[in-house]
Amino acid sequence: MESMEQKYEKLGDILRSMDKVVVAFSGGVDSAFLLKAALEFLGPERVLAITADSETYPVREKEEAIVLARELGAVHEVIHTSELDIPGYAENPTNRCYFCKNSLFDHLIPIAEARGYEYVVFGAIADDLGEHRPGLQAAHEKGVRAPLLEAGIKKSEIRHMSRGFGLRTWDKPSFACLSSRIPYGEAITALKLSMIDQAEDFLIQLGFRQVRVRQHDNLARIEVPAADLAEMLAVADTVHAKLKEIGYAYVTMDLKGYRSGSLNEVLSPQQQAVHAESVK
């Protein structure tokens, strides 16, 4: 079994073989680690970090990405995209992430080609192979590389090495686009995304680091880690009042607590199998 050090050296070999890269940079745990590694192994002059700003990307995340890229010494640009303009996306099918990543890469690849960068890379990791990740199919079709996945690096290893490197994202809560808060088949709208963003931002301001507000029509289902359920109940009246003000008719708390991709729990085994086959 390869050690973390061996995997990191393997990552370096992969990146050096690419020569010049555009990094799809969200500012999350994985893309921050990938950007740091690319800068180390290739040098700042061979790396361009690009952040896509859209309706599904919270303002706080964009601001953090800008600051983090500056701290890392990366050349960084923010481009504007709109997932809601993608045909089929707003209908929220189970392969919604395919449309999103496909559009993102359609924006990044021309930039890379025009400026002489050999590859576009993004922060998919080894753990993603066992989950519902339609975006991997889009990457495969577009020739976009996932160096962390290729090196076999897992989330726990990224957090461990990020801490050792002094990256402040080492313990950053996992994040996914705001559309992931809306059940498959329910239309995605700018209003819903704005409501979710406002609700989660409010809860974060209250001190909850890992939080999701899943929106079911006019009902908000709040997920926080099981250890934080009592703390959430203690401020229930405040939370209820604020989310009603935002526009929710009902506010509930998921007693099972936070878990990544909880809306995927409704997918049938057949749907999961089809997805797994599509990203091989």
C-alpha atoms as a PDB file:
ATOM      1  CA  MET A   1       0.000   0.000   0.000  1.00  0.00           C
ATOM      2  CA  GLU A   2       1.343   3.412  -0.962  1.00  0.00           C
ATOM      3  CA  SER A   3       2.080   5.944   1.756  1.00  0.00           C
ATOM      4  CA  MET A   4       0.826   9.523   1.616  1.00  0.00           C
ATOM      5  CA  GLU A   5       4.340  10.650   0.767  1.00  0.00           C
ATOM      6  CA  GLN A   6       4.496   8.230  -2.167  1.00  0.00           C
ATOM      7  CA  LYS A   7       1.096   9.367  -3.399  1.00  0.00           C
ATOM      8  CA  TYR A   8       2.181  12.982  -3.212  1.00  0.00           C
ATOM      9  CA  GLU A   9       5.298  12.240  -5.236  1.00  0.00           C
ATOM     10  CA  LYS A  10       3.105  10.412  -7.738  1.00  0.00           C
ATOM     11  CA  LEU A  11       0.916  13.522  -7.896  1.00  0.00           C
ATOM     12  CA  GLY A  12       4.031  15.535  -8.633  1.00  0.00           C
ATOM     13  CA  ASP A  13       4.994  13.217 -11.481  1.00  0.00           C
ATOM     14  CA  ILE A  14       1.496  13.502 -12.954  1.00  0.00           C
ATOM     15  CA  LEU A  15       1.493  17.301 -12.779  1.00  0.00           C
ATOM     16  CA  ARG A  16       5.008  17.647 -14.183  1.00  0.00           C
ATOM     17  CA  SER A  17       3.981  15.500 -17.145  1.00  0.00           C
ATOM     18  CA  MET A  18       1.262  18.051 -17.938  1.00  0.00           C
ATOM     19  CA  ASP A  19       3.694  20.999 -18.074  1.00  0.00           C
ATOM     20  CA  LYS A  20       1.096  23.822 -17.859  1.00  0.00           C
ATOM     21  CA  VAL A  21      -2.366  23.588 -16.313  1.00  0.00           C
ATOM     22  CA  VAL A  22      -5.563  25.503 -15.718  1.00  0.00           C
ATOM     23  CA  VAL A  23      -6.959  24.549 -12.312  1.00  0.00           C
ATOM     24  CA  ALA A  24     -10.729  24.657 -11.769  1.00  0.00           C
ATOM     25  CA  PHE A  25     -10.551  26.330  -8.369  1.00  0.00           C
ATOM     26  CA  SER A  26     -13.569  26.518  -6.065  1.00  0.00           C
ATOM     27  CA  GLY A  27     -11.588  27.234  -2.916  1.00  0.00           C
ATOM     28  CA  GLY A  28     -12.655  23.982  -1.295  1.00  0.00           C
ATOM     29  CA  VAL A  29     -10.454  21.417   0.449  1.00  0.00           C
ATOM     30  CA  ASP A  30      -9.610  19.426  -2.667  1.00  0.00           C
ATOM     31  CA  SER A  31      -9.116  22.186  -5.233  1.00  0.00           C
ATOM     32  CA  ALA A  32      -7.017  24.195  -2.766  1.00  0.00           C
ATOM     33  CA  PHE A  33      -4.736  21.216  -2.216  1.00  0.00           C
ATOM     34  CA  LEU A  34      -4.524  20.607  -5.964  1.00  0.00           C
ATOM     35  CA  LEU A  35      -3.659  24.243  -6.617  1.00  0.00           C
ATOM     36  CA  LYS A  36      -0.991  24.221  -3.912  1.00  0.00           C
ATOM     37  CA  ALA A  37       0.578  21.085  -5.419  1.00  0.00           C
ATOM     38  CA  ALA A  38       0.433  22.467  -8.964  1.00  0.00           C
ATOM     39  CA  LEU A  39       2.191  25.643  -7.841  1.00  0.00           C
ATOM     40  CA  GLU A  40       4.863  23.626  -6.061  1.00  0.00           C
ATOM     41  CA  PHE A  41       5.563  21.149  -8.836  1.00  0.00           C
ATOM     42  CA  LEU A  42       5.104  23.433 -11.856  1.00  0.00           C
ATOM     43  CA  GLY A  43       5.710  26.939 -10.572  1.00  0.00           C
ATOM     44  CA  PRO A  44       3.297  29.922 -10.596  1.00  0.00           C
ATOM     45  CA  GLU A  45       4.129  30.805 -14.200  1.00  0.00           C
ATOM     46  CA  ARG A  46       2.746  27.456 -15.404  1.00  0.00           C
ATOM     47  CA  VAL A  47      -0.490  27.472 -13.400  1.00  0.00           C
ATOM     48  CA  LEU A  48      -3.695  29.462 -13.872  1.00  0.00           C
ATOM     49  CA  ALA A  49      -6.464  29.132 -11.278  1.00  0.00           C
ATOM     50  CA  ILE A  50      -9.969  29.924 -12.500  1.00  0.00           C
ATOM     51  CA  THR A  51     -13.064  30.241 -10.334  1.00  0.00           C
ATOM     52  CA  ALA A  52     -16.508  30.080 -11.947  1.00  0.00           C
ATOM     53  CA  ASP A  53     -18.976  32.451 -10.279  1.00  0.00           C
ATOM     54  CA  SER A  54     -22.641  31.559 -10.792  1.00  0.00           C
ATOM     55  CA  GLU A  55     -26.048  31.387  -9.115  1.00  0.00           C
ATOM     56  CA  THR A  56     -25.118  28.077  -7.463  1.00  0.00           C
ATOM     57  CA  TYR A  57     -21.905  29.399  -5.881  1.00  0.00           C
ATOM     58  CA  PRO A  58     -22.288  31.291  -2.574  1.00  0.00           C
ATOM     59  CA  VAL A  59     -20.763  34.765  -2.377  1.00  0.00           C
ATOM     60  CA  ARG A  60     -18.832  33.787   0.773  1.00  0.00           C
ATOM     61  CA  GLU A  61     -17.165  30.919  -1.117  1.00  0.00           C
ATOM     62  CA  LYS A  62     -16.096  33.179  -3.980  1.00  0.00           C
ATOM     63  CA  GLU A  63     -14.610  35.721  -1.586  1.00  0.00           C
ATOM     64  CA  GLU A  64     -12.726  32.977   0.259  1.00  0.00           C
ATOM     65  CA  ALA A  65     -11.401  31.577  -3.031  1.00  0.00           C
ATOM     66  CA  ILE A  66     -10.056  34.984  -4.071  1.00  0.00           C
ATOM     67  CA  VAL A  67      -8.251  35.443  -0.745  1.00  0.00           C
ATOM     68  CA  LEU A  68      -6.883  31.891  -0.732  1.00  0.00           C
ATOM     69  CA  ALA A  69      -5.523  32.111  -4.285  1.00  0.00           C
ATOM     70  CA  ARG A  70      -3.761  35.336  -3.352  1.00  0.00           C
ATOM     71  CA  GLU A  71      -2.264  33.709  -0.244  1.00  0.00           C
ATOM     72  CA  LEU A  72      -0.960  30.809  -2.334  1.00  0.00           C
ATOM     73  CA  GLY A  73       0.587  33.174  -4.851  1.00  0.00           C
ATOM     74  CA  ALA A  74      -1.441  31.891  -7.774  1.00  0.00           C
ATOM     75  CA  VAL A  75      -2.462  33.735 -10.906  1.00  0.00           C
ATOM     76  CA  HIS A  76      -6.223  33.720 -10.440  1.00  0.00           C
ATOM     77  CA  GLU A  77      -9.222  34.773 -12.473  1.00  0.00           C
ATOM     78  CA  VAL A  78     -12.960  34.735 -11.789  1.00  0.00           C
ATOM     79  CA  ILE A  79     -15.250  34.060 -14.733  1.00  0.00           C
ATOM     80  CA  HIS A  80     -19.030  34.307 -14.761  1.00  0.00           C
ATOM     81  CA  THR A  81     -21.191  31.363 -15.770  1.00  0.00           C
ATOM     82  CA  SER A  82     -24.858  30.434 -15.385  1.00  0.00           C
ATOM     83  CA  GLU A  83     -25.950  26.869 -14.791  1.00  0.00           C
ATOM     84  CA  LEU A  84     -29.594  27.914 -15.134  1.00  0.00           C
ATOM     85  CA  ASP A  85     -28.914  28.775 -18.781  1.00  0.00           C
ATOM     86  CA  ILE A  86     -27.795  25.212 -19.512  1.00  0.00           C
ATOM     87  CA  PRO A  87     -30.536  23.253 -21.333  1.00  0.00           C
ATOM     88  CA  GLY A  88     -31.800  20.509 -19.040  1.00  0.00           C
ATOM     89  CA  TYR A  89     -30.079  21.707 -15.880  1.00  0.00           C
ATOM     90  CA  ALA A  90     -32.986  23.546 -14.243  1.00  0.00           C
ATOM     91  CA  GLU A  91     -35.170  20.433 -14.561  1.00  0.00           C
ATOM     92  CA  ASN A  92     -32.817  18.902 -11.974  1.00  0.00           C
ATOM     93  CA  PRO A  93     -32.298  15.378 -13.337  1.00  0.00           C
ATOM     94  CA  THR A  94     -30.254  12.837 -11.378  1.00  0.00           C
ATOM     95  CA  ASN A  95     -27.279  13.546 -13.664  1.00  0.00           C
ATOM     96  CA  ARG A  96     -27.521  17.296 -13.048  1.00  0.00           C
ATOM     97  CA  CYS A  97     -23.832  17.491 -12.156  1.00  0.00           C
ATOM     98  CA  TYR A  98     -22.987  16.213 -15.616  1.00  0.00           C
ATOM     99  CA  PHE A  99     -24.551  19.316 -17.192  1.00  0.00           C
ATOM    100  CA  CYS A 100     -22.775  21.587 -14.719  1.00  0.00           C
ATOM    101  CA  LYS A 101     -19.287  20.146 -15.170  1.00  0.00           C
ATOM    102  CA  ASN A 102     -19.756  19.846 -18.921  1.00  0.00           C
ATOM    103  CA  SER A 103     -20.558  23.571 -19.108  1.00  0.00           C
ATOM    104  CA  LEU A 104     -17.698  24.490 -16.767  1.00  0.00           C
ATOM    105  CA  PHE A 105     -15.206  22.618 -18.914  1.00  0.00           C
ATOM    106  CA  ASP A 106     -16.657  24.221 -22.047  1.00  0.00           C
ATOM    107  CA  HIS A 107     -15.676  27.559 -20.501  1.00  0.00           C
ATOM    108  CA  LEU A 108     -12.241  26.509 -19.251  1.00  0.00           C
ATOM    109  CA  ILE A 109     -10.927  24.517 -22.208  1.00  0.00           C
ATOM    110  CA  PRO A 110     -10.984  27.443 -24.703  1.00  0.00           C
ATOM    111  CA  ILE A 111      -9.201  29.645 -22.153  1.00  0.00           C
ATOM    112  CA  ALA A 112      -6.518  26.996 -21.696  1.00  0.00           C
ATOM    113  CA  GLU A 113      -6.087  26.504 -25.439  1.00  0.00           C
ATOM    114  CA  ALA A 114      -5.932  30.232 -26.194  1.00  0.00           C
ATOM    115  CA  ARG A 115      -3.242  30.837 -23.562  1.00  0.00           C
ATOM    116  CA  GLY A 116      -1.084  27.795 -24.185  1.00  0.00           C
ATOM    117  CA  TYR A 117      -1.962  25.679 -21.162  1.00  0.00           C
ATOM    118  CA  GLU A 118      -1.718  21.977 -21.885  1.00  0.00           C
ATOM    119  CA  TYR A 119      -4.468  20.675 -19.616  1.00  0.00           C
ATOM    120  CA  VAL A 120      -7.494  21.602 -17.548  1.00  0.00           C
ATOM    121  CA  VAL A 121      -7.518  19.846 -14.172  1.00  0.00           C
ATOM    122  CA  PHE A 122     -10.074  19.640 -11.373  1.00  0.00           C
ATOM    123  CA  GLY A 123     -10.240  18.349  -7.816  1.00  0.00           C
ATOM    124  CA  ALA A 124     -11.960  14.977  -8.086  1.00  0.00           C
ATOM    125  CA  ILE A 125     -10.469  12.528  -5.568  1.00  0.00           C
ATOM    126  CA  ALA A 126     -10.240   8.775  -5.075  1.00  0.00           C
ATOM    127  CA  ASP A 127     -13.282   8.723  -2.787  1.00  0.00           C
ATOM    128  CA  ASP A 128     -15.460  10.050  -5.610  1.00  0.00           C
ATOM    129  CA  LEU A 129     -15.324   6.751  -7.508  1.00  0.00           C
ATOM    130  CA  GLY A 130     -17.679   5.168  -4.984  1.00  0.00           C
ATOM    131  CA  GLU A 131     -20.250   7.962  -5.023  1.00  0.00           C
ATOM    132  CA  HIS A 132     -22.856   9.454  -7.355  1.00  0.00           C
ATOM    133  CA  ARG A 133     -20.579  11.772  -9.396  1.00  0.00           C
ATOM    134  CA  PRO A 134     -21.894  12.379 -12.947  1.00  0.00           C
ATOM    135  CA  GLY A 135     -19.316  15.158 -13.301  1.00  0.00           C
ATOM    136  CA  LEU A 136     -16.626  12.507 -13.740  1.00  0.00           C
ATOM    137  CA  GLN A 137     -18.272  11.406 -16.972  1.00  0.00           C
ATOM    138  CA  ALA A 138     -18.168  14.973 -18.314  1.00  0.00           C
ATOM    139  CA  ALA A 139     -14.480  15.236 -17.434  1.00  0.00           C
ATOM    140  CA  HIS A 140     -13.717  11.955 -19.199  1.00  0.00           C
ATOM    141  CA  GLU A 141     -15.538  13.076 -22.340  1.00  0.00           C
ATOM    142  CA  LYS A 142     -13.758  16.459 -22.412  1.00  0.00           C
ATOM    143  CA  GLY A 143     -10.284  15.146 -21.666  1.00  0.00           C
ATOM    144  CA  VAL A 144     -10.117  17.022 -18.370  1.00  0.00           C
ATOM    145  CA  ARG A 145      -7.741  15.435 -15.869  1.00  0.00           C
ATOM    146  CA  ALA A 146      -8.188  14.711 -12.146  1.00  0.00           C
ATOM    147  CA  PRO A 147      -4.625  14.420 -10.795  1.00  0.00           C
ATOM    148  CA  LEU A 148      -5.664  13.745  -7.186  1.00  0.00           C
ATOM    149  CA  LEU A 149      -7.851  10.857  -8.293  1.00  0.00           C
ATOM    150  CA  GLU A 150      -5.142   9.543 -10.620  1.00  0.00           C
ATOM    151  CA  ALA A 151      -2.679   9.561  -7.725  1.00  0.00           C
ATOM    152  CA  GLY A 152      -5.170   7.649  -5.562  1.00  0.00           C
ATOM    153  CA  ILE A 153      -5.357  10.386  -2.921  1.00  0.00           C
ATOM    154  CA  LYS A 154      -8.320  10.300  -0.527  1.00  0.00           C
ATOM    155  CA  LYS A 155     -10.057  13.101   1.369  1.00  0.00           C
ATOM    156  CA  SER A 156      -8.600  12.084   4.736  1.00  0.00           C
ATOM    157  CA  GLU A 157      -5.111  12.171   3.224  1.00  0.00           C
ATOM    158  CA  ILE A 158      -5.724  15.560   1.642  1.00  0.00           C
ATOM    159  CA  ARG A 159      -6.813  16.981   4.995  1.00  0.00           C
ATOM    160  CA  HIS A 160      -3.794  15.472   6.748  1.00  0.00           C
ATOM    161  CA  MET A 161      -1.296  16.766   4.195  1.00  0.00           C
ATOM    162  CA  SER A 162      -3.046  20.136   3.932  1.00  0.00           C
ATOM    163  CA  ARG A 163      -2.603  20.591   7.663  1.00  0.00           C
ATOM    164  CA  GLY A 164       1.067  19.724   7.371  1.00  0.00           C
ATOM    165  CA  PHE A 165       1.489  22.237   4.551  1.00  0.00           C
ATOM    166  CA  GLY A 166      -0.223  24.948   6.579  1.00  0.00           C
ATOM    167  CA  LEU A 167      -3.255  25.215   4.303  1.00  0.00           C
ATOM    168  CA  ARG A 168      -6.117  26.714   6.305  1.00  0.00           C
ATOM    169  CA  THR A 169      -8.569  24.652   4.263  1.00  0.00           C
ATOM    170  CA  TRP A 170      -7.377  21.459   5.976  1.00  0.00           C
ATOM    171  CA  ASP A 171     -10.442  21.359   8.233  1.00  0.00           C
ATOM    172  CA  LYS A 172     -12.839  23.304   6.037  1.00  0.00           C
ATOM    173  CA  PRO A 173     -16.285  21.688   5.952  1.00  0.00           C
ATOM    174  CA  SER A 174     -17.202  19.835   2.781  1.00  0.00           C
ATOM    175  CA  PHE A 175     -19.085  21.935   0.275  1.00  0.00           C
ATOM    176  CA  ALA A 176     -21.238  21.237  -2.762  1.00  0.00           C
ATOM    177  CA  CYS A 177     -23.092  23.618  -5.074  1.00  0.00           C
ATOM    178  CA  LEU A 178     -26.377  25.048  -3.847  1.00  0.00           C
ATOM    179  CA  SER A 179     -28.362  23.021  -6.386  1.00  0.00           C
ATOM    180  CA  SER A 180     -27.480  19.897  -4.413  1.00  0.00           C
ATOM    181  CA  ARG A 181     -29.911  21.099  -1.723  1.00  0.00           C
ATOM    182  CA  ILE A 182     -32.920  20.642  -4.036  1.00  0.00           C
ATOM    183  CA  PRO A 183     -34.386  17.129  -4.550  1.00  0.00           C
ATOM    184  CA  TYR A 184     -33.996  15.607  -7.996  1.00  0.00           C
ATOM    185  CA  GLY A 185     -36.975  16.391 -10.209  1.00  0.00           C
ATOM    186  CA  GLU A 186     -37.850  19.637  -8.424  1.00  0.00           C
ATOM    187  CA  ALA A 187     -37.100  22.648 -10.607  1.00  0.00           C
ATOM    188  CA  ILE A 188     -34.038  24.731  -9.768  1.00  0.00           C
ATOM    189  CA  THR A 189     -34.713  28.473  -9.788  1.00  0.00           C
ATOM    190  CA  ALA A 190     -32.692  31.558  -8.946  1.00  0.00           C
ATOM    191  CA  LEU A 191     -35.117  32.296  -6.094  1.00  0.00           C
ATOM    192  CA  LYS A 192     -34.641  28.887  -4.485  1.00  0.00           C
ATOM    193  CA  LEU A 193     -30.856  29.164  -4.754  1.00  0.00           C
ATOM    194  CA  SER A 194     -30.941  32.611  -3.183  1.00  0.00           C
ATOM    195  CA  MET A 195     -33.118  31.393  -0.303  1.00  0.00           C
ATOM    196  CA  ILE A 196     -30.795  28.462   0.384  1.00  0.00           C
ATOM    197  CA  ASP A 197     -27.735  30.711   0.252  1.00  0.00           C
ATOM    198  CA  GLN A 198     -29.272  33.206   2.690  1.00  0.00           C
ATOM    199  CA  ALA A 199     -30.407  30.458   5.075  1.00  0.00           C
ATOM    200  CA  GLU A 200     -27.078  28.666   5.165  1.00  0.00           C
ATOM    201  CA  ASP A 201     -25.156  31.916   5.511  1.00  0.00           C
ATOM    202  CA  PHE A 202     -27.300  32.821   8.518  1.00  0.00           C
ATOM    203  CA  LEU A 203     -26.659  29.448  10.161  1.00  0.00           C
ATOM    204  CA  ILE A 204     -22.932  29.772   9.528  1.00  0.00           C
ATOM    205  CA  GLN A 205     -23.010  33.204  11.158  1.00  0.00           C
ATOM    206  CA  LEU A 206     -24.614  31.555  14.200  1.00  0.00           C
ATOM    207  CA  GLY A 207     -21.517  29.368  14.459  1.00  0.00           C
ATOM    208  CA  PHE A 208     -22.541  26.147  12.685  1.00  0.00           C
ATOM    209  CA  ARG A 209     -19.614  25.179  10.426  1.00  0.00           C
ATOM    210  CA  GLN A 210     -21.041  22.121   8.643  1.00  0.00           C
ATOM    211  CA  VAL A 211     -24.603  22.814   7.578  1.00  0.00           C
ATOM    212  CA  ARG A 212     -27.047  22.094   4.773  1.00  0.00           C
ATOM    213  CA  VAL A 213     -30.481  23.570   4.152  1.00  0.00           C
ATOM    214  CA  ARG A 214     -32.305  21.095   1.927  1.00  0.00           C
ATOM    215  CA  GLN A 215     -35.269  22.740   0.241  1.00  0.00           C
ATOM    216  CA  HIS A 216     -38.431  20.718  -0.355  1.00  0.00           C
ATOM    217  CA  ASP A 217     -40.837  23.106  -2.071  1.00  0.00           C
ATOM    218  CA  ASN A 218     -41.557  25.674   0.708  1.00  0.00           C
ATOM    219  CA  LEU A 219     -40.052  23.536   3.485  1.00  0.00           C
ATOM    220  CA  ALA A 220     -36.471  23.873   4.764  1.00  0.00           C
ATOM    221  CA  ARG A 221     -34.881  20.699   6.170  1.00  0.00           C
ATOM    222  CA  ILE A 222     -31.788  21.624   8.157  1.00  0.00           C
ATOM    223  CA  GLU A 223     -28.891  19.197   8.458  1.00  0.00           C
ATOM    224  CA  VAL A 224     -26.095  19.704  10.986  1.00  0.00           C
ATOM    225  CA  PRO A 225     -23.787  17.041  12.481  1.00  0.00           C
ATOM    226  CA  ALA A 226     -25.517  14.901  15.095  1.00  0.00           C
ATOM    227  CA  ALA A 227     -23.287  16.436  17.780  1.00  0.00           C
ATOM    228  CA  ASP A 228     -24.733  19.875  16.949  1.00  0.00           C
ATOM    229  CA  LEU A 229     -28.432  18.939  17.078  1.00  0.00           C
ATOM    230  CA  ALA A 230     -28.883  20.099  20.675  1.00  0.00           C
ATOM    231  CA  GLU A 231     -27.173  23.399  19.893  1.00  0.00           C
ATOM    232  CA  MET A 232     -29.477  23.910  16.911  1.00  0.00           C
ATOM    233  CA  LEU A 233     -32.539  23.189  19.055  1.00  0.00           C
ATOM    234  CA  ALA A 234     -31.341  25.788  21.536  1.00  0.00           C
ATOM    235  CA  VAL A 235     -31.659  28.506  18.879  1.00  0.00           C
ATOM    236  CA  ALA A 236     -34.693  26.994  17.150  1.00  0.00           C
ATOM    237  CA  ASP A 237     -36.910  30.046  17.622  1.00  0.00           C
ATOM    238  CA  THR A 238     -34.283  32.378  16.154  1.00  0.00           C
ATOM    239  CA  VAL A 239     -33.656  30.069  13.211  1.00  0.00           C
ATOM    240  CA  HIS A 240     -37.354  29.560  12.553  1.00  0.00           C
ATOM    241  CA  ALA A 241     -38.018  33.311  12.536  1.00  0.00           C
ATOM    242  CA  LYS A 242     -35.140  34.051  10.172  1.00  0.00           C
ATOM    243  CA  LEU A 243     -35.948  31.294   7.691  1.00  0.00           C
ATOM    244  CA  LYS A 244     -39.618  32.345   7.680  1.00  0.00           C
ATOM    245  CA  GLU A 245     -38.404  35.852   6.886  1.00  0.00           C
ATOM    246  CA  ILE A 246     -36.338  34.456   4.014  1.00  0.00           C
ATOM    247  CA  GLY A 247     -39.476  32.855   2.597  1.00  0.00           C
ATOM    248  CA  TYR A 248     -39.876  29.321   3.952  1.00  0.00           C
ATOM    249  CA  ALA A 249     -43.327  28.273   5.160  1.00  0.00           C
ATOM    250  CA  TYR A 250     -42.002  25.381   7.251  1.00  0.00           C
ATOM    251  CA  VAL A 251     -38.670  24.836   8.982  1.00  0.00           C
ATOM    252  CA  THR A 252     -37.599  21.363  10.145  1.00  0.00           C
ATOM    253  CA  MET A 253     -34.459  19.646  11.407  1.00  0.00           C
ATOM    254  CA  ASP A 254     -33.210  16.276  10.127  1.00  0.00           C
ATOM    255  CA  LEU A 255     -32.803  14.068  13.197  1.00  0.00           C
ATOM    256  CA  LYS A 256     -30.290  11.838  11.416  1.00  0.00           C
ATOM    257  CA  GLY A 257     -27.952  14.792  11.132  1.00  0.00           C
ATOM    258  CA  TYR A 258     -25.718  15.966   8.319  1.00  0.00           C
ATOM    259  CA  ARG A 259     -24.436  13.510   5.724  1.00  0.00           C
ATOM    260  CA  SER A 260     -22.939  14.305   2.368  1.00  0.00           C
ATOM    261  CA  GLY A 261     -25.279  13.783  -0.580  1.00  0.00           C
ATOM    262  CA  SER A 262     -28.316  12.869   1.499  1.00  0.00           C
ATOM    263  CA  LEU A 263     -30.590  13.580  -1.462  1.00  0.00           C
ATOM    264  CA  ASN A 264     -28.885  10.725  -3.311  1.00  0.00           C
ATOM    265  CA  GLU A 265     -30.433   8.339  -0.779  1.00  0.00           C
ATOM    266  CA  VAL A 266     -33.602   8.273  -2.872  1.00  0.00           C
ATOM    267  CA  LEU A 267     -31.792   6.968  -5.947  1.00  0.00           C
ATOM    268  CA  SER A 268     -32.602   3.366  -6.777  1.00  0.00           C
ATOM    269  CA  PRO A 269     -29.860   0.717  -6.903  1.00  0.00           C
ATOM    270  CA  GLN A 270     -30.379   0.641 -10.683  1.00  0.00           C
ATOM    271  CA  GLN A 271     -29.731   4.391 -10.978  1.00  0.00           C
ATOM    272  CA  GLN A 272     -26.609   4.051  -8.871  1.00  0.00           C
ATOM    273  CA  ALA A 273     -25.401   1.151 -11.018  1.00  0.00           C
ATOM    274  CA  VAL A 274     -25.966   3.084 -14.250  1.00  0.00           C
ATOM    275  CA  HIS A 275     -23.965   5.990 -12.873  1.00  0.00           C
ATOM    276  CA  ALA A 276     -21.131   3.781 -11.676  1.00  0.00           C
ATOM    277  CA  GLU A 277     -20.869   2.234 -15.146  1.00  0.00           C
ATOM    278  CA  SER A 278     -20.912   5.665 -16.826  1.00  0.00           C
ATOM    279  CA  VAL A 279     -17.805   6.912 -15.020  1.00  0.00           C
ATOM    280  CA  LYS A 280     -15.579   3.832 -15.458  1.00  0.00           C
END
